[in-house]
Amino acid sequence: MTGLALATTGLALMLRSDLLYIRGGTRRVPAQIIRHQLRRRGGATLYSAVLLVPDERGGFIEVRDPLTTPFPTPVIGERLPVVHPIGYPAKARIPYPWFRAGVYGVLGYVFVICVLELTGLG
């Protein structure tokens, strides 16, 4: 039962964060890594890339990538393409399609297994 709740919550949160990308169009723009935001949790240091992204009005905004890693990657100064929903440049993120597909796959698998176990079909 706990596994089902965790899988359902995880899928719901991921779908909620991807809803703007799914419903509307996306725009791919070049961005540059300008620094890393540091977080310390229980003795571990975690890094999030801060991107300089062009906005809709011709200026630039700083956006923190939602993915947190144990090492500062990509390197500062690197230029790379990012995607954001049209009209929402503040929601820009580095595209990690295989990572996102893997997370959806694992959560979907756990959800199906838990539902089959709960219904007695598994």
PDB file of N, CA and C in Angstrom:
ATOM      1  N   MET A   1       0.823  -1.191   0.000  1.00  0.00           N
ATOM      2  CA  MET A   1       0.000   0.000   0.000  1.00  0.00           C
ATOM      3  C   MET A   1       0.871   1.261   0.000  1.00  0.00           C
ATOM      4  N   THR A   2       1.979   1.237   0.738  1.00  0.00           N
ATOM      5  CA  THR A   2       2.883   2.382   0.775  1.00  0.00           C
ATOM      6  C   THR A   2       3.533   2.598  -0.586  1.00  0.00           C
ATOM      7  N   GLY A   3       3.908   1.498  -1.244  1.00  0.00           N
ATOM      8  CA  GLY A   3       4.498   1.598  -2.575  1.00  0.00           C
ATOM      9  C   GLY A   3       3.548   2.223  -3.577  1.00  0.00           C
ATOM     10  N   LEU A   4       2.279   1.858  -3.485  1.00  0.00           N
ATOM     11  CA  LEU A   4       1.276   2.429  -4.379  1.00  0.00           C
ATOM     12  C   LEU A   4       1.132   3.930  -4.133  1.00  0.00           C
ATOM     13  N   ALA A   5       1.111   4.323  -2.874  1.00  0.00           N
ATOM     14  CA  ALA A   5       0.990   5.749  -2.547  1.00  0.00           C
ATOM     15  C   ALA A   5       2.203   6.532  -3.044  1.00  0.00           C
ATOM     16  N   LEU A   6       3.403   5.973  -2.856  1.00  0.00           N
ATOM     17  CA  LEU A   6       4.612   6.653  -3.315  1.00  0.00           C
ATOM     18  C   LEU A   6       4.661   6.754  -4.833  1.00  0.00           C
ATOM     19  N   ALA A   7       4.322   5.664  -5.525  1.00  0.00           N
ATOM     20  CA  ALA A   7       4.337   5.679  -6.986  1.00  0.00           C
ATOM     21  C   ALA A   7       3.300   6.650  -7.535  1.00  0.00           C
ATOM     22  N   THR A   8       2.110   6.654  -6.956  1.00  0.00           N
ATOM     23  CA  THR A   8       1.056   7.563  -7.410  1.00  0.00           C
ATOM     24  C   THR A   8       1.449   9.013  -7.171  1.00  0.00           C
ATOM     25  N   THR A   9       1.998   9.298  -6.000  1.00  0.00           N
ATOM     26  CA  THR A   9       2.433  10.658  -5.696  1.00  0.00           C
ATOM     27  C   THR A   9       3.556  11.092  -6.629  1.00  0.00           C
ATOM     28  N   GLY A  10       4.524  10.216  -6.856  1.00  0.00           N
ATOM     29  CA  GLY A  10       5.628  10.537  -7.757  1.00  0.00           C
ATOM     30  C   GLY A  10       5.162  10.803  -9.171  1.00  0.00           C
ATOM     31  N   LEU A  11       4.275   9.948  -9.681  1.00  0.00           N
ATOM     32  CA  LEU A  11       3.742  10.159 -11.029  1.00  0.00           C
ATOM     33  C   LEU A  11       2.939  11.452 -11.112  1.00  0.00           C
ATOM     34  N   ALA A  12       2.130  11.722 -10.096  1.00  0.00           N
ATOM     35  CA  ALA A  12       1.319  12.949 -10.103  1.00  0.00           C
ATOM     36  C   ALA A  12       2.205  14.195 -10.082  1.00  0.00           C
ATOM     37  N   LEU A  13       3.251  14.182  -9.272  1.00  0.00           N
ATOM     38  CA  LEU A  13       4.141  15.343  -9.201  1.00  0.00           C
ATOM     39  C   LEU A  13       4.919  15.540 -10.500  1.00  0.00           C
ATOM     40  N   MET A  14       5.365  14.451 -11.110  1.00  0.00           N
ATOM     41  CA  MET A  14       6.079  14.580 -12.379  1.00  0.00           C
ATOM     42  C   MET A  14       5.157  15.068 -13.485  1.00  0.00           C
ATOM     43  N   LEU A  15       3.945  14.523 -13.539  1.00  0.00           N
ATOM     44  CA  LEU A  15       2.997  14.979 -14.557  1.00  0.00           C
ATOM     45  C   LEU A  15       2.632  16.444 -14.344  1.00  0.00           C
ATOM     46  N   ARG A  16       2.513  16.845 -13.093  1.00  0.00           N
ATOM     47  CA  ARG A  16       2.201  18.246 -12.795  1.00  0.00           C
ATOM     48  C   ARG A  16       3.320  19.165 -13.275  1.00  0.00           C
ATOM     49  N   SER A  17       4.568  18.762 -13.069  1.00  0.00           N
ATOM     50  CA  SER A  17       5.679  19.602 -13.513  1.00  0.00           C
ATOM     51  C   SER A  17       5.840  19.581 -15.032  1.00  0.00           C
ATOM     52  N   ASP A  18       5.382  18.521 -15.691  1.00  0.00           N
ATOM     53  CA  ASP A  18       5.498  18.415 -17.147  1.00  0.00           C
ATOM     54  C   ASP A  18       4.252  18.876 -17.888  1.00  0.00           C
ATOM     55  N   LEU A  19       3.208  19.277 -17.175  1.00  0.00           N
ATOM     56  CA  LEU A  19       1.938  19.609 -17.811  1.00  0.00           C
ATOM     57  C   LEU A  19       2.065  20.754 -18.814  1.00  0.00           C
ATOM     58  N   LEU A  20       2.803  21.810 -18.472  1.00  0.00           N
ATOM     59  CA  LEU A  20       2.993  22.915 -19.409  1.00  0.00           C
ATOM     60  C   LEU A  20       3.741  22.469 -20.658  1.00  0.00           C
ATOM     61  N   TYR A  21       4.663  21.530 -20.499  1.00  0.00           N
ATOM     62  CA  TYR A  21       5.419  21.029 -21.643  1.00  0.00           C
ATOM     63  C   TYR A  21       4.544  20.140 -22.524  1.00  0.00           C
ATOM     64  N   ILE A  22       3.620  19.404 -21.911  1.00  0.00           N
ATOM     65  CA  ILE A  22       2.762  18.480 -22.652  1.00  0.00           C
ATOM     66  C   ILE A  22       1.649  19.235 -23.374  1.00  0.00           C
ATOM     67  N   ARG A  23       0.975  20.148 -22.682  1.00  0.00           N
ATOM     68  CA  ARG A  23      -0.187  20.846 -23.243  1.00  0.00           C
ATOM     69  C   ARG A  23       0.180  21.879 -24.290  1.00  0.00           C
ATOM     70  N   GLY A  24       1.168  22.695 -24.014  1.00  0.00           N
ATOM     71  CA  GLY A  24       1.530  23.769 -24.930  1.00  0.00           C
ATOM     72  C   GLY A  24       2.786  23.420 -25.700  1.00  0.00           C
ATOM     73  N   GLY A  25       3.195  24.333 -26.538  1.00  0.00           N
ATOM     74  CA  GLY A  25       4.429  24.135 -27.278  1.00  0.00           C
ATOM     75  C   GLY A  25       5.636  24.437 -26.417  1.00  0.00           C
ATOM     76  N   THR A  26       6.769  23.996 -26.876  1.00  0.00           N
ATOM     77  CA  THR A  26       8.014  24.277 -26.164  1.00  0.00           C
ATOM     78  C   THR A  26       8.942  25.050 -27.079  1.00  0.00           C
ATOM     79  N   ARG A  27       9.852  25.740 -26.477  1.00  0.00           N
ATOM     80  CA  ARG A  27      10.847  26.494 -27.228  1.00  0.00           C
ATOM     81  C   ARG A  27      12.217  26.052 -26.747  1.00  0.00           C
ATOM     82  N   ARG A  28      13.103  25.811 -27.698  1.00  0.00           N
ATOM     83  CA  ARG A  28      14.487  25.445 -27.385  1.00  0.00           C
ATOM     84  C   ARG A  28      15.348  26.683 -27.616  1.00  0.00           C
ATOM     85  N   VAL A  29      16.057  27.109 -26.569  1.00  0.00           N
ATOM     86  CA  VAL A  29      16.888  28.310 -26.646  1.00  0.00           C
ATOM     87  C   VAL A  29      18.280  28.002 -26.090  1.00  0.00           C
ATOM     88  N   PRO A  30      19.288  28.751 -26.539  1.00  0.00           N
ATOM     89  CA  PRO A  30      20.624  28.562 -25.961  1.00  0.00           C
ATOM     90  C   PRO A  30      20.710  29.231 -24.594  1.00  0.00           C
ATOM     91  N   ALA A  31      21.421  28.607 -23.697  1.00  0.00           N
ATOM     92  CA  ALA A  31      21.617  29.163 -22.354  1.00  0.00           C
ATOM     93  C   ALA A  31      23.070  28.950 -21.955  1.00  0.00           C
ATOM     94  N   GLN A  32      23.475  29.646 -20.912  1.00  0.00           N
ATOM     95  CA  GLN A  32      24.838  29.510 -20.416  1.00  0.00           C
ATOM     96  C   GLN A  32      24.803  29.276 -18.914  1.00  0.00           C
ATOM     97  N   ILE A  33      25.654  28.359 -18.460  1.00  0.00           N
ATOM     98  CA  ILE A  33      25.787  28.094 -17.029  1.00  0.00           C
ATOM     99  C   ILE A  33      26.623  29.228 -16.439  1.00  0.00           C
ATOM    100  N   ILE A  34      26.056  29.950 -15.469  1.00  0.00           N
ATOM    101  CA  ILE A  34      26.800  31.077 -14.896  1.00  0.00           C
ATOM    102  C   ILE A  34      27.337  30.784 -13.499  1.00  0.00           C
ATOM    103  N   ARG A  35      26.731  29.838 -12.796  1.00  0.00           N
ATOM    104  CA  ARG A  35      27.230  29.431 -11.472  1.00  0.00           C
ATOM    105  C   ARG A  35      26.454  28.191 -11.033  1.00  0.00           C
ATOM    106  N   HIS A  36      26.803  27.680  -9.867  1.00  0.00           N
ATOM    107  CA  HIS A  36      26.076  26.564  -9.271  1.00  0.00           C
ATOM    108  C   HIS A  36      25.563  26.981  -7.899  1.00  0.00           C
ATOM    109  N   GLN A  37      24.334  26.608  -7.621  1.00  0.00           N
ATOM    110  CA  GLN A  37      23.764  26.865  -6.301  1.00  0.00           C
ATOM    111  C   GLN A  37      24.097  25.667  -5.419  1.00  0.00           C
ATOM    112  N   LEU A  38      24.667  25.941  -4.245  1.00  0.00           N
ATOM    113  CA  LEU A  38      25.080  24.876  -3.326  1.00  0.00           C
ATOM    114  C   LEU A  38      24.017  24.648  -2.268  1.00  0.00           C
ATOM    115  N   ARG A  39      23.811  23.384  -1.949  1.00  0.00           N
ATOM    116  CA  ARG A  39      22.942  23.004  -0.831  1.00  0.00           C
ATOM    117  C   ARG A  39      23.679  21.961  -0.018  1.00  0.00           C
ATOM    118  N   ARG A  40      23.605  22.104   1.283  1.00  0.00           N
ATOM    119  CA  ARG A  40      24.248  21.125   2.160  1.00  0.00           C
ATOM    120  C   ARG A  40      23.164  20.397   2.942  1.00  0.00           C
ATOM    121  N   ARG A  41      23.209  19.068   2.861  1.00  0.00           N
ATOM    122  CA  ARG A  41      22.239  18.233   3.578  1.00  0.00           C
ATOM    123  C   ARG A  41      22.978  17.105   4.274  1.00  0.00           C
ATOM    124  N   GLY A  42      22.985  17.128   5.573  1.00  0.00           N
ATOM    125  CA  GLY A  42      23.573  16.042   6.346  1.00  0.00           C
ATOM    126  C   GLY A  42      25.010  15.729   5.983  1.00  0.00           C
ATOM    127  N   GLY A  43      25.819  16.730   5.733  1.00  0.00           N
ATOM    128  CA  GLY A  43      27.215  16.508   5.397  1.00  0.00           C
ATOM    129  C   GLY A  43      27.478  16.358   3.913  1.00  0.00           C
ATOM    130  N   ALA A  44      26.446  16.242   3.095  1.00  0.00           N
ATOM    131  CA  ALA A  44      26.613  16.113   1.649  1.00  0.00           C
ATOM    132  C   ALA A  44      26.401  17.473   0.987  1.00  0.00           C
ATOM    133  N   THR A  45      27.200  17.757  -0.020  1.00  0.00           N
ATOM    134  CA  THR A  45      27.052  18.987  -0.787  1.00  0.00           C
ATOM    135  C   THR A  45      26.402  18.647  -2.113  1.00  0.00           C
ATOM    136  N   LEU A  46      25.322  19.352  -2.444  1.00  0.00           N
ATOM    137  CA  LEU A  46      24.598  19.131  -3.689  1.00  0.00           C
ATOM    138  C   LEU A  46      24.623  20.408  -4.516  1.00  0.00           C
ATOM    139  N   TYR A  47      24.665  20.251  -5.834  1.00  0.00           N
ATOM    140  CA  TYR A  47      24.785  21.385  -6.740  1.00  0.00           C
ATOM    141  C   TYR A  47      23.611  21.432  -7.711  1.00  0.00           C
ATOM    142  N   SER A  48      23.145  22.650  -7.995  1.00  0.00           N
ATOM    143  CA  SER A  48      22.151  22.896  -9.037  1.00  0.00           C
ATOM    144  C   SER A  48      22.715  23.971  -9.955  1.00  0.00           C
ATOM    145  N   ALA A  49      22.655  23.732 -11.253  1.00  0.00           N
ATOM    146  CA  ALA A  49      23.163  24.706 -12.212  1.00  0.00           C
ATOM    147  C   ALA A  49      22.233  25.915 -12.278  1.00  0.00           C
ATOM    148  N   VAL A  50      22.823  27.099 -12.347  1.00  0.00           N
ATOM    149  CA  VAL A  50      22.055  28.330 -12.556  1.00  0.00           C
ATOM    150  C   VAL A  50      22.331  28.775 -13.985  1.00  0.00           C
ATOM    151  N   LEU A  51      21.258  28.920 -14.759  1.00  0.00           N
ATOM    152  CA  LEU A  51      21.351  29.194 -16.187  1.00  0.00           C
ATOM    153  C   LEU A  51      21.006  30.644 -16.483  1.00  0.00           C
ATOM    154  N   LEU A  52      21.649  31.219 -17.475  1.00  0.00           N
ATOM    155  CA  LEU A  52      21.284  32.524 -18.001  1.00  0.00           C
ATOM    156  C   LEU A  52      20.505  32.261 -19.286  1.00  0.00           C
ATOM    157  N   VAL A  53      19.197  32.531 -19.246  1.00  0.00           N
ATOM    158  CA  VAL A  53      18.280  32.159 -20.330  1.00  0.00           C
ATOM    159  C   VAL A  53      17.681  33.422 -20.938  1.00  0.00           C
ATOM    160  N   PRO A  54      17.613  33.509 -22.287  1.00  0.00           N
ATOM    161  CA  PRO A  54      16.933  34.661 -22.894  1.00  0.00           C
ATOM    162  C   PRO A  54      15.434  34.599 -22.633  1.00  0.00           C
ATOM    163  N   ASP A  55      14.851  35.750 -22.279  1.00  0.00           N
ATOM    164  CA  ASP A  55      13.409  35.772 -22.042  1.00  0.00           C
ATOM    165  C   ASP A  55      12.677  36.221 -23.311  1.00  0.00           C
ATOM    166  N   GLU A  56      11.376  36.366 -23.211  1.00  0.00           N
ATOM    167  CA  GLU A  56      10.544  36.697 -24.368  1.00  0.00           C
ATOM    168  C   GLU A  56      10.712  38.150 -24.820  1.00  0.00           C
ATOM    169  N   ARG A  57      11.258  39.018 -23.965  1.00  0.00           N
ATOM    170  CA  ARG A  57      11.354  40.443 -24.281  1.00  0.00           C
ATOM    171  C   ARG A  57      12.743  40.863 -24.745  1.00  0.00           C
ATOM    172  N   GLY A  58      13.613  39.927 -25.019  1.00  0.00           N
ATOM    173  CA  GLY A  58      14.946  40.253 -25.498  1.00  0.00           C
ATOM    174  C   GLY A  58      15.996  40.390 -24.410  1.00  0.00           C
ATOM    175  N   GLY A  59      15.609  40.255 -23.153  1.00  0.00           N
ATOM    176  CA  GLY A  59      16.561  40.319 -22.054  1.00  0.00           C
ATOM    177  C   GLY A  59      16.989  38.928 -21.626  1.00  0.00           C
ATOM    178  N   PHE A  60      17.587  38.847 -20.457  1.00  0.00           N
ATOM    179  CA  PHE A  60      18.028  37.570 -19.913  1.00  0.00           C
ATOM    180  C   PHE A  60      17.530  37.427 -18.484  1.00  0.00           C
ATOM    181  N   ILE A  61      17.255  36.203 -18.073  1.00  0.00           N
ATOM    182  CA  ILE A  61      16.871  35.911 -16.697  1.00  0.00           C
ATOM    183  C   ILE A  61      17.711  34.743 -16.191  1.00  0.00           C
ATOM    184  N   GLU A  62      17.850  34.668 -14.873  1.00  0.00           N
ATOM    185  CA  GLU A  62      18.553  33.544 -14.257  1.00  0.00           C
ATOM    186  C   GLU A  62      17.531  32.506 -13.827  1.00  0.00           C
ATOM    187  N   VAL A  63      17.797  31.251 -14.178  1.00  0.00           N
ATOM    188  CA  VAL A  63      16.898  30.148 -13.853  1.00  0.00           C
ATOM    189  C   VAL A  63      17.724  29.031 -13.237  1.00  0.00           C
ATOM    190  N   ARG A  64      17.253  28.480 -12.118  1.00  0.00           N
ATOM    191  CA  ARG A  64      17.934  27.342 -11.485  1.00  0.00           C
ATOM    192  C   ARG A  64      17.391  26.056 -12.075  1.00  0.00           C
ATOM    193  N   ASP A  65      18.286  25.185 -12.534  1.00  0.00           N
ATOM    194  CA  ASP A  65      17.873  23.887 -13.057  1.00  0.00           C
ATOM    195  C   ASP A  65      17.332  23.047 -11.903  1.00  0.00           C
ATOM    196  N   PRO A  66      16.170  22.396 -12.080  1.00  0.00           N
ATOM    197  CA  PRO A  66      15.592  21.628 -10.974  1.00  0.00           C
ATOM    198  C   PRO A  66      16.379  20.370 -10.597  1.00  0.00           C
ATOM    199  N   LEU A  67      17.259  19.891 -11.477  1.00  0.00           N
ATOM    200  CA  LEU A  67      18.016  18.677 -11.176  1.00  0.00           C
ATOM    201  C   LEU A  67      19.200  19.010 -10.276  1.00  0.00           C
ATOM    202  N   THR A  68      19.334  18.294  -9.162  1.00  0.00           N
ATOM    203  CA  THR A  68      20.423  18.483  -8.208  1.00  0.00           C
ATOM    204  C   THR A  68      21.362  17.291  -8.303  1.00  0.00           C
ATOM    205  N   THR A  69      22.664  17.564  -8.390  1.00  0.00           N
ATOM    206  CA  THR A  69      23.658  16.501  -8.526  1.00  0.00           C
ATOM    207  C   THR A  69      24.716  16.631  -7.427  1.00  0.00           C
ATOM    208  N   PRO A  70      25.456  15.548  -7.141  1.00  0.00           N
ATOM    209  CA  PRO A  70      26.488  15.618  -6.104  1.00  0.00           C
ATOM    210  C   PRO A  70      27.787  16.271  -6.583  1.00  0.00           C
ATOM    211  N   PHE A  71      27.852  16.693  -7.831  1.00  0.00           N
ATOM    212  CA  PHE A  71      29.039  17.350  -8.359  1.00  0.00           C
ATOM    213  C   PHE A  71      28.597  18.468  -9.302  1.00  0.00           C
ATOM    214  N   PRO A  72      29.402  19.525  -9.452  1.00  0.00           N
ATOM    215  CA  PRO A  72      28.991  20.670 -10.271  1.00  0.00           C
ATOM    216  C   PRO A  72      29.070  20.370 -11.768  1.00  0.00           C
ATOM    217  N   THR A  73      27.981  19.970 -12.332  1.00  0.00           N
ATOM    218  CA  THR A  73      27.915  19.689 -13.761  1.00  0.00           C
ATOM    219  C   THR A  73      26.643  20.278 -14.319  1.00  0.00           C
ATOM    220  N   PRO A  74      26.612  20.772 -15.502  1.00  0.00           N
ATOM    221  CA  PRO A  74      27.697  21.095 -16.431  1.00  0.00           C
ATOM    222  C   PRO A  74      28.596  22.208 -15.875  1.00  0.00           C
ATOM    223  N   VAL A  75      29.761  22.356 -16.488  1.00  0.00           N
ATOM    224  CA  VAL A  75      30.748  23.294 -15.963  1.00  0.00           C
ATOM    225  C   VAL A  75      30.314  24.734 -16.209  1.00  0.00           C
ATOM    226  N   ILE A  76      30.807  25.630 -15.371  1.00  0.00           N
ATOM    227  CA  ILE A  76      30.485  27.051 -15.498  1.00  0.00           C
ATOM    228  C   ILE A  76      31.048  27.573 -16.818  1.00  0.00           C
ATOM    229  N   GLY A  77      30.235  28.343 -17.520  1.00  0.00           N
ATOM    230  CA  GLY A  77      30.628  28.904 -18.808  1.00  0.00           C
ATOM    231  C   GLY A  77      30.157  28.087 -19.997  1.00  0.00           C
ATOM    232  N   GLU A  78      29.723  26.865 -19.760  1.00  0.00           N
ATOM    233  CA  GLU A  78      29.274  26.010 -20.863  1.00  0.00           C
ATOM    234  C   GLU A  78      27.955  26.526 -21.427  1.00  0.00           C
ATOM    235  N   ARG A  79      27.861  26.535 -22.752  1.00  0.00           N
ATOM    236  CA  ARG A  79      26.622  26.920 -23.429  1.00  0.00           C
ATOM    237  C   ARG A  79      25.933  25.645 -23.886  1.00  0.00           C
ATOM    238  N   LEU A  80      24.638  25.571 -23.622  1.00  0.00           N
ATOM    239  CA  LEU A  80      23.886  24.391 -24.000  1.00  0.00           C
ATOM    240  C   LEU A  80      22.438  24.771 -24.250  1.00  0.00           C
ATOM    241  N   PRO A  81      21.724  23.954 -25.026  1.00  0.00           N
ATOM    242  CA  PRO A  81      20.311  24.263 -25.278  1.00  0.00           C
ATOM    243  C   PRO A  81      19.447  23.862 -24.088  1.00  0.00           C
ATOM    244  N   VAL A  82      18.455  24.688 -23.789  1.00  0.00           N
ATOM    245  CA  VAL A  82      17.466  24.378 -22.761  1.00  0.00           C
ATOM    246  C   VAL A  82      16.091  24.486 -23.401  1.00  0.00           C
ATOM    247  N   VAL A  83      15.108  23.875 -22.768  1.00  0.00           N
ATOM    248  CA  VAL A  83      13.735  23.958 -23.261  1.00  0.00           C
ATOM    249  C   VAL A  83      12.866  24.619 -22.197  1.00  0.00           C
ATOM    250  N   HIS A  84      11.851  25.348 -22.677  1.00  0.00           N
ATOM    251  CA  HIS A  84      10.869  25.922 -21.762  1.00  0.00           C
ATOM    252  C   HIS A  84       9.542  26.033 -22.490  1.00  0.00           C
ATOM    253  N   PRO A  85       8.432  25.983 -21.742  1.00  0.00           N
ATOM    254  CA  PRO A  85       7.128  26.173 -22.377  1.00  0.00           C
ATOM    255  C   PRO A  85       7.043  27.587 -22.963  1.00  0.00           C
ATOM    256  N   ILE A  86       6.380  27.717 -24.097  1.00  0.00           N
ATOM    257  CA  ILE A  86       6.242  29.028 -24.732  1.00  0.00           C
ATOM    258  C   ILE A  86       5.538  29.979 -23.767  1.00  0.00           C
ATOM    259  N   GLY A  87       6.166  31.115 -23.534  1.00  0.00           N
ATOM    260  CA  GLY A  87       5.617  32.113 -22.626  1.00  0.00           C
ATOM    261  C   GLY A  87       6.075  31.965 -21.186  1.00  0.00           C
ATOM    262  N   TYR A  88       6.842  30.930 -20.870  1.00  0.00           N
ATOM    263  CA  TYR A  88       7.306  30.690 -19.498  1.00  0.00           C
ATOM    264  C   TYR A  88       8.817  30.441 -19.474  1.00  0.00           C
ATOM    265  N   PRO A  89       9.637  31.438 -19.803  1.00  0.00           N
ATOM    266  CA  PRO A  89      11.087  31.204 -19.801  1.00  0.00           C
ATOM    267  C   PRO A  89      11.644  30.913 -18.406  1.00  0.00           C
ATOM    268  N   ALA A  90      10.932  31.299 -17.354  1.00  0.00           N
ATOM    269  CA  ALA A  90      11.398  31.017 -15.992  1.00  0.00           C
ATOM    270  C   ALA A  90      11.303  29.534 -15.657  1.00  0.00           C
ATOM    271  N   LYS A  91      10.613  28.746 -16.473  1.00  0.00           N
ATOM    272  CA  LYS A  91      10.496  27.307 -16.249  1.00  0.00           C
ATOM    273  C   LYS A  91      11.477  26.522 -17.125  1.00  0.00           C
ATOM    274  N   ALA A  92      12.513  27.201 -17.618  1.00  0.00           N
ATOM    275  CA  ALA A  92      13.503  26.549 -18.474  1.00  0.00           C
ATOM    276  C   ALA A  92      14.248  25.472 -17.701  1.00  0.00           C
ATOM    277  N   ARG A  93      14.595  24.400 -18.399  1.00  0.00           N
ATOM    278  CA  ARG A  93      15.379  23.327 -17.787  1.00  0.00           C
ATOM    279  C   ARG A  93      16.225  22.647 -18.856  1.00  0.00           C
ATOM    280  N   ILE A  94      17.292  22.044 -18.403  1.00  0.00           N
ATOM    281  CA  ILE A  94      18.146  21.273 -19.298  1.00  0.00           C
ATOM    282  C   ILE A  94      17.393  19.997 -19.639  1.00  0.00           C
ATOM    283  N   PRO A  95      17.255  19.676 -20.925  1.00  0.00           N
ATOM    284  CA  PRO A  95      16.500  18.466 -21.261  1.00  0.00           C
ATOM    285  C   PRO A  95      17.303  17.202 -20.939  1.00  0.00           C
ATOM    286  N   TYR A  96      16.730  16.359 -20.124  1.00  0.00           N
ATOM    287  CA  TYR A  96      17.295  15.050 -19.805  1.00  0.00           C
ATOM    288  C   TYR A  96      16.253  14.007 -20.195  1.00  0.00           C
ATOM    289  N   PRO A  97      16.040  13.738 -21.488  1.00  0.00           N
ATOM    290  CA  PRO A  97      14.930  12.859 -21.886  1.00  0.00           C
ATOM    291  C   PRO A  97      15.073  11.429 -21.376  1.00  0.00           C
ATOM    292  N   TRP A  98      16.272  10.876 -21.378  1.00  0.00           N
ATOM    293  CA  TRP A  98      16.438   9.488 -20.930  1.00  0.00           C
ATOM    294  C   TRP A  98      16.240   9.371 -19.427  1.00  0.00           C
ATOM    295  N   PHE A  99      16.694  10.366 -18.682  1.00  0.00           N
ATOM    296  CA  PHE A  99      16.497  10.368 -17.232  1.00  0.00           C
ATOM    297  C   PHE A  99      15.010  10.442 -16.896  1.00  0.00           C
ATOM    298  N   ARG A 100      14.300  11.374 -17.534  1.00  0.00           N
ATOM    299  CA  ARG A 100      12.866  11.530 -17.265  1.00  0.00           C
ATOM    300  C   ARG A 100      12.106  10.282 -17.693  1.00  0.00           C
ATOM    301  N   ALA A 101      12.457   9.708 -18.841  1.00  0.00           N
ATOM    302  CA  ALA A 101      11.789   8.481 -19.288  1.00  0.00           C
ATOM    303  C   ALA A 101      12.048   7.342 -18.308  1.00  0.00           C
ATOM    304  N   GLY A 102      13.259   7.265 -17.775  1.00  0.00           N
ATOM    305  CA  GLY A 102      13.571   6.231 -16.795  1.00  0.00           C
ATOM    306  C   GLY A 102      12.778   6.385 -15.508  1.00  0.00           C
ATOM    307  N   VAL A 103      12.640   7.620 -15.033  1.00  0.00           N
ATOM    308  CA  VAL A 103      11.868   7.856 -13.810  1.00  0.00           C
ATOM    309  C   VAL A 103      10.401   7.517 -14.038  1.00  0.00           C
ATOM    310  N   TYR A 104       9.844   7.956 -15.182  1.00  0.00           N
ATOM    311  CA  TYR A 104       8.461   7.595 -15.505  1.00  0.00           C
ATOM    312  C   TYR A 104       8.304   6.077 -15.599  1.00  0.00           C
ATOM    313  N   GLY A 105       9.278   5.407 -16.216  1.00  0.00           N
ATOM    314  CA  GLY A 105       9.216   3.955 -16.351  1.00  0.00           C
ATOM    315  C   GLY A 105       9.239   3.238 -15.013  1.00  0.00           C
ATOM    316  N   VAL A 106      10.138   3.635 -14.134  1.00  0.00           N
ATOM    317  CA  VAL A 106      10.235   2.992 -12.815  1.00  0.00           C
ATOM    318  C   VAL A 106       8.975   3.244 -11.997  1.00  0.00           C
ATOM    319  N   LEU A 107       8.505   4.489 -11.963  1.00  0.00           N
ATOM    320  CA  LEU A 107       7.292   4.797 -11.198  1.00  0.00           C
ATOM    321  C   LEU A 107       6.071   4.090 -11.781  1.00  0.00           C
ATOM    322  N   GLY A 108       5.987   4.041 -13.109  1.00  0.00           N
ATOM    323  CA  GLY A 108       4.874   3.328 -13.742  1.00  0.00           C
ATOM    324  C   GLY A 108       4.914   1.843 -13.445  1.00  0.00           C
ATOM    325  N   TYR A 109       6.108   1.257 -13.473  1.00  0.00           N
ATOM    326  CA  TYR A 109       6.264  -0.166 -13.169  1.00  0.00           C
ATOM    327  C   TYR A 109       5.836  -0.460 -11.729  1.00  0.00           C
ATOM    328  N   VAL A 110       6.308   0.353 -10.787  1.00  0.00           N
ATOM    329  CA  VAL A 110       5.939   0.157  -9.379  1.00  0.00           C
ATOM    330  C   VAL A 110       4.435   0.319  -9.201  1.00  0.00           C
ATOM    331  N   PHE A 111       3.843   1.302  -9.876  1.00  0.00           N
ATOM    332  CA  PHE A 111       2.400   1.524  -9.790  1.00  0.00           C
ATOM    333  C   PHE A 111       1.634   0.299 -10.288  1.00  0.00           C
ATOM    334  N   VAL A 112       2.009  -0.233 -11.448  1.00  0.00           N
ATOM    335  CA  VAL A 112       1.314  -1.401 -12.016  1.00  0.00           C
ATOM    336  C   VAL A 112       1.480  -2.617 -11.116  1.00  0.00           C
ATOM    337  N   ILE A 113       2.685  -2.868 -10.631  1.00  0.00           N
ATOM    338  CA  ILE A 113       2.925  -4.018  -9.754  1.00  0.00           C
ATOM    339  C   ILE A 113       2.099  -3.900  -8.478  1.00  0.00           C
ATOM    340  N   CYS A 114       2.052  -2.715  -7.886  1.00  0.00           N
ATOM    341  CA  CYS A 114       1.271  -2.526  -6.648  1.00  0.00           C
ATOM    342  C   CYS A 114      -0.222  -2.700  -6.897  1.00  0.00           C
ATOM    343  N   VAL A 115      -0.722  -2.187  -8.024  1.00  0.00           N
ATOM    344  CA  VAL A 115      -2.145  -2.351  -8.342  1.00  0.00           C
ATOM    345  C   VAL A 115      -2.465  -3.821  -8.580  1.00  0.00           C
ATOM    346  N   LEU A 116      -1.599  -4.531  -9.297  1.00  0.00           N
ATOM    347  CA  LEU A 116      -1.825  -5.961  -9.530  1.00  0.00           C
ATOM    348  C   LEU A 116      -1.791  -6.742  -8.221  1.00  0.00           C
ATOM    349  N   GLU A 117      -0.889  -6.388  -7.341  1.00  0.00           N
ATOM    350  CA  GLU A 117      -0.790  -7.061  -6.046  1.00  0.00           C
ATOM    351  C   GLU A 117      -2.025  -6.773  -5.188  1.00  0.00           C
ATOM    352  N   LEU A 118      -2.494  -5.538  -5.227  1.00  0.00           N
ATOM    353  CA  LEU A 118      -3.659  -5.140  -4.442  1.00  0.00           C
ATOM    354  C   LEU A 118      -4.939  -5.814  -4.936  1.00  0.00           C
ATOM    355  N   THR A 119      -5.065  -5.963  -6.251  1.00  0.00           N
ATOM    356  CA  THR A 119      -6.277  -6.573  -6.813  1.00  0.00           C
ATOM    357  C   THR A 119      -6.213  -8.096  -6.810  1.00  0.00           C
ATOM    358  N   GLY A 120      -5.053  -8.655  -6.532  1.00  0.00           N
ATOM    359  CA  GLY A 120      -4.917 -10.110  -6.505  1.00  0.00           C
ATOM    360  C   GLY A 120      -4.645 -10.718  -7.866  1.00  0.00           C
ATOM    361  N   LEU A 121      -4.380  -9.909  -8.867  1.00  0.00           N
ATOM    362  CA  LEU A 121      -4.104 -10.417 -10.209  1.00  0.00           C
ATOM    363  C   LEU A 121      -2.626 -10.699 -10.435  1.00  0.00           C
ATOM    364  N   GLY A 122      -1.779 -10.267  -9.515  1.00  0.00           N
ATOM    365  CA  GLY A 122      -0.349 -10.394  -9.731  1.00  0.00           C
ATOM    366  C   GLY A 122       0.301 -11.484  -9.021  1.00  0.00           C
TER     367      GLY A 122
END
